[in-house]
C-alpha atoms as a PDB file:
ATOM      1  CA  UNK A   1     -44.757  59.312 -54.301  1.00  0.00           C
ATOM      2  CA  UNK A   2     -41.665  60.267 -56.284  1.00  0.00           C
ATOM      3  CA  UNK A   3     -39.390  58.878 -53.533  1.00  0.00           C
ATOM      4  CA  UNK A   4     -41.248  55.555 -53.544  1.00  0.00           C
ATOM      5  CA  UNK A   5     -40.812  55.154 -57.323  1.00  0.00           C
ATOM      6  CA  UNK A   6     -37.102  56.021 -57.073  1.00  0.00           C
ATOM      7  CA  UNK A   7     -36.722  53.535 -54.204  1.00  0.00           C
ATOM      8  CA  UNK A   8     -38.456  50.738 -56.109  1.00  0.00           C
ATOM      9  CA  UNK A   9     -36.396  51.385 -59.250  1.00  0.00           C
ATOM     10  CA  UNK A  10     -33.202  51.381 -57.176  1.00  0.00           C
ATOM     11  CA  UNK A  11     -34.164  48.082 -55.566  1.00  0.00           C
ATOM     12  CA  UNK A  12     -34.933  46.502 -58.959  1.00  0.00           C
ATOM     13  CA  UNK A  13     -31.578  47.737 -60.300  1.00  0.00           C
ATOM     14  CA  UNK A  14     -29.646  46.255 -57.355  1.00  0.00           C
ATOM     15  CA  UNK A  15     -31.456  42.893 -57.640  1.00  0.00           C
ATOM     16  CA  UNK A  16     -30.721  42.813 -61.374  1.00  0.00           C
ATOM     17  CA  UNK A  17     -27.001  43.411 -60.800  1.00  0.00           C
ATOM     18  CA  UNK A  18     -26.814  40.709 -58.134  1.00  0.00           C
ATOM     19  CA  UNK A  19     -28.768  38.248 -60.282  1.00  0.00           C
ATOM     20  CA  UNK A  20     -26.485  38.792 -63.261  1.00  0.00           C
ATOM     21  CA  UNK A  21     -23.230  38.145 -61.414  1.00  0.00           C
ATOM     22  CA  UNK A  22     -21.171  35.575 -63.236  1.00  0.00           C
ATOM     23  CA  UNK A  23     -19.655  33.294 -60.634  1.00  0.00           C
ATOM     24  CA  UNK A  24     -17.625  30.543 -62.198  1.00  0.00           C
ATOM     25  CA  UNK A  25     -17.323  27.027 -60.899  1.00  0.00           C
ATOM     26  CA  UNK A  26     -14.117  26.127 -59.047  1.00  0.00           C
ATOM     27  CA  UNK A  27     -11.202  24.880 -61.139  1.00  0.00           C
ATOM     28  CA  UNK A  28      -8.339  22.601 -60.213  1.00  0.00           C
ATOM     29  CA  UNK A  29      -5.192  21.200 -61.762  1.00  0.00           C
ATOM     30  CA  UNK A  30      -2.526  18.702 -60.711  1.00  0.00           C
ATOM     31  CA  UNK A  31       1.197  19.389 -60.434  1.00  0.00           C
ATOM     32  CA  UNK A  32       3.444  16.345 -60.082  1.00  0.00           C
ATOM     33  CA  UNK A  33       6.812  17.089 -58.446  1.00  0.00           C
ATOM     34  CA  UNK A  34       7.675  13.373 -58.150  1.00  0.00           C
ATOM     35  CA  UNK A  35       9.874  11.425 -60.567  1.00  0.00           C
ATOM     36  CA  UNK A  36       7.106   8.870 -61.298  1.00  0.00           C
ATOM     37  CA  UNK A  37       3.708   9.140 -63.015  1.00  0.00           C
ATOM     38  CA  UNK A  38       0.720   9.786 -60.763  1.00  0.00           C
ATOM     39  CA  UNK A  39      -3.003   9.018 -60.906  1.00  0.00           C
ATOM     40  CA  UNK A  40      -5.249  11.453 -59.048  1.00  0.00           C
ATOM     41  CA  UNK A  41      -8.928  11.113 -58.153  1.00  0.00           C
ATOM     42  CA  UNK A  42     -11.293  13.925 -57.105  1.00  0.00           C
ATOM     43  CA  UNK A  43     -14.553  13.041 -55.328  1.00  0.00           C
ATOM     44  CA  UNK A  44     -17.001  15.891 -54.888  1.00  0.00           C
ATOM     45  CA  UNK A  45     -19.765  16.243 -52.309  1.00  0.00           C
ATOM     46  CA  UNK A  46     -22.238  16.010 -55.210  1.00  0.00           C
ATOM     47  CA  UNK A  47     -21.136  12.426 -55.839  1.00  0.00           C
ATOM     48  CA  UNK A  48     -19.104  13.080 -58.990  1.00  0.00           C
ATOM     49  CA  UNK A  49     -15.676  11.529 -59.460  1.00  0.00           C
ATOM     50  CA  UNK A  50     -13.002  12.954 -61.743  1.00  0.00           C
ATOM     51  CA  UNK A  51      -9.886  10.948 -62.558  1.00  0.00           C
ATOM     52  CA  UNK A  52      -6.692  12.415 -63.966  1.00  0.00           C
ATOM     53  CA  UNK A  53      -4.406   9.550 -64.889  1.00  0.00           C
ATOM     54  CA  UNK A  54      -0.724   9.322 -65.758  1.00  0.00           C
ATOM     55  CA  UNK A  55       0.367  12.810 -64.785  1.00  0.00           C
ATOM     56  CA  UNK A  56       4.008  12.673 -65.847  1.00  0.00           C
ATOM     57  CA  UNK A  57       6.899  13.673 -63.621  1.00  0.00           C
ATOM     58  CA  UNK A  58       7.244  17.462 -63.552  1.00  0.00           C
ATOM     59  CA  UNK A  59       3.962  17.961 -65.425  1.00  0.00           C
ATOM     60  CA  UNK A  60       1.178  20.386 -64.525  1.00  0.00           C
ATOM     61  CA  UNK A  61      -2.199  19.549 -66.045  1.00  0.00           C
ATOM     62  CA  UNK A  62      -4.755  21.927 -67.521  1.00  0.00           C
ATOM     63  CA  UNK A  63      -7.501  23.235 -65.246  1.00  0.00           C
ATOM     64  CA  UNK A  64     -10.600  21.064 -64.784  1.00  0.00           C
ATOM     65  CA  UNK A  65     -13.970  22.280 -63.514  1.00  0.00           C
ATOM     66  CA  UNK A  66     -15.428  20.771 -60.354  1.00  0.00           C
ATOM     67  CA  UNK A  67     -18.710  21.473 -58.560  1.00  0.00           C
ATOM     68  CA  UNK A  68     -18.611  23.728 -55.520  1.00  0.00           C
ATOM     69  CA  UNK A  69     -18.432  21.835 -52.238  1.00  0.00           C
ATOM     70  CA  UNK A  70     -16.244  19.472 -50.258  1.00  0.00           C
ATOM     71  CA  UNK A  71     -13.711  17.686 -52.423  1.00  0.00           C
ATOM     72  CA  UNK A  72     -11.632  14.649 -51.459  1.00  0.00           C
ATOM     73  CA  UNK A  73      -8.393  14.115 -53.362  1.00  0.00           C
ATOM     74  CA  UNK A  74      -6.532  10.817 -53.423  1.00  0.00           C
ATOM     75  CA  UNK A  75      -3.453   9.918 -55.449  1.00  0.00           C
ATOM     76  CA  UNK A  76      -1.527   6.804 -56.421  1.00  0.00           C
ATOM     77  CA  UNK A  77       2.051   6.752 -57.672  1.00  0.00           C
ATOM     78  CA  UNK A  78       3.041   3.470 -59.310  1.00  0.00           C
ATOM     79  CA  UNK A  79       0.696   1.444 -57.085  1.00  0.00           C
ATOM     80  CA  UNK A  80       1.794   3.346 -53.953  1.00  0.00           C
ATOM     81  CA  UNK A  81      -1.129   5.211 -52.373  1.00  0.00           C
ATOM     82  CA  UNK A  82      -0.366   8.627 -51.004  1.00  0.00           C
ATOM     83  CA  UNK A  83      -1.683   8.747 -47.483  1.00  0.00           C
ATOM     84  CA  UNK A  84      -3.571  10.567 -46.224  1.00  0.00           C
ATOM     85  CA  UNK A  85      -5.919  11.876 -48.872  1.00  0.00           C
ATOM     86  CA  UNK A  86      -6.807  15.551 -48.506  1.00  0.00           C
ATOM     87  CA  UNK A  87     -10.167  17.265 -48.208  1.00  0.00           C
ATOM     88  CA  UNK A  88     -10.872  20.891 -49.038  1.00  0.00           C
ATOM     89  CA  UNK A  89     -13.855  23.113 -49.832  1.00  0.00           C
ATOM     90  CA  UNK A  90     -13.891  24.136 -53.493  1.00  0.00           C
ATOM     91  CA  UNK A  91     -15.415  27.623 -53.683  1.00  0.00           C
ATOM     92  CA  UNK A  92     -16.794  29.362 -56.754  1.00  0.00           C
ATOM     93  CA  UNK A  93     -14.409  31.755 -58.527  1.00  0.00           C
ATOM     94  CA  UNK A  94     -11.360  29.948 -57.036  1.00  0.00           C
ATOM     95  CA  UNK A  95      -8.546  27.986 -58.661  1.00  0.00           C
ATOM     96  CA  UNK A  96      -6.698  25.198 -56.895  1.00  0.00           C
ATOM     97  CA  UNK A  97      -3.455  23.390 -57.661  1.00  0.00           C
ATOM     98  CA  UNK A  98      -3.061  19.940 -56.132  1.00  0.00           C
ATOM     99  CA  UNK A  99       0.678  19.414 -55.699  1.00  0.00           C
ATOM    100  CA  UNK A 100       2.189  15.957 -55.328  1.00  0.00           C
ATOM    101  CA  UNK A 101       5.301  16.899 -53.407  1.00  0.00           C
ATOM    102  CA  UNK A 102       8.646  15.233 -53.881  1.00  0.00           C
ATOM    103  CA  UNK A 103      10.430  13.612 -50.984  1.00  0.00           C
ATOM    104  CA  UNK A 104      10.921  10.166 -49.514  1.00  0.00           C
ATOM    105  CA  UNK A 105       7.229   9.917 -48.635  1.00  0.00           C
ATOM    106  CA  UNK A 106       4.851  11.468 -51.191  1.00  0.00           C
ATOM    107  CA  UNK A 107       2.538  14.130 -49.757  1.00  0.00           C
ATOM    108  CA  UNK A 108      -0.379  16.082 -51.261  1.00  0.00           C
ATOM    109  CA  UNK A 109      -0.738  19.830 -50.853  1.00  0.00           C
ATOM    110  CA  UNK A 110      -3.493  22.222 -52.010  1.00  0.00           C
ATOM    111  CA  UNK A 111      -2.493  25.676 -53.233  1.00  0.00           C
ATOM    112  CA  UNK A 112      -5.288  28.205 -53.750  1.00  0.00           C
ATOM    113  CA  UNK A 113      -4.924  31.001 -56.279  1.00  0.00           C
END
């Protein structure tokens, strides 16, 4: 009987610890390595759209929170669309930096921290 009570209490303790875990939503920011301003759009699998406009040359924005799931990122630099857009899975407790790379043809890159 004593073993059953200890087992039940242990199980309740483990469930409580798991239930109280504090996972945070994914966060992202934009880093513009180009010499022109950029507009970036994030579309999440939940249907939300987040726009970050006029990211200045050399600027890195503050982190924004996005829902967990597939995320599509598109960017425009002075009316020039960066092709292709990129898709990645935004996981809880992760931070992402979307980098608009310099070069003749602008390219997007996702760095995970």
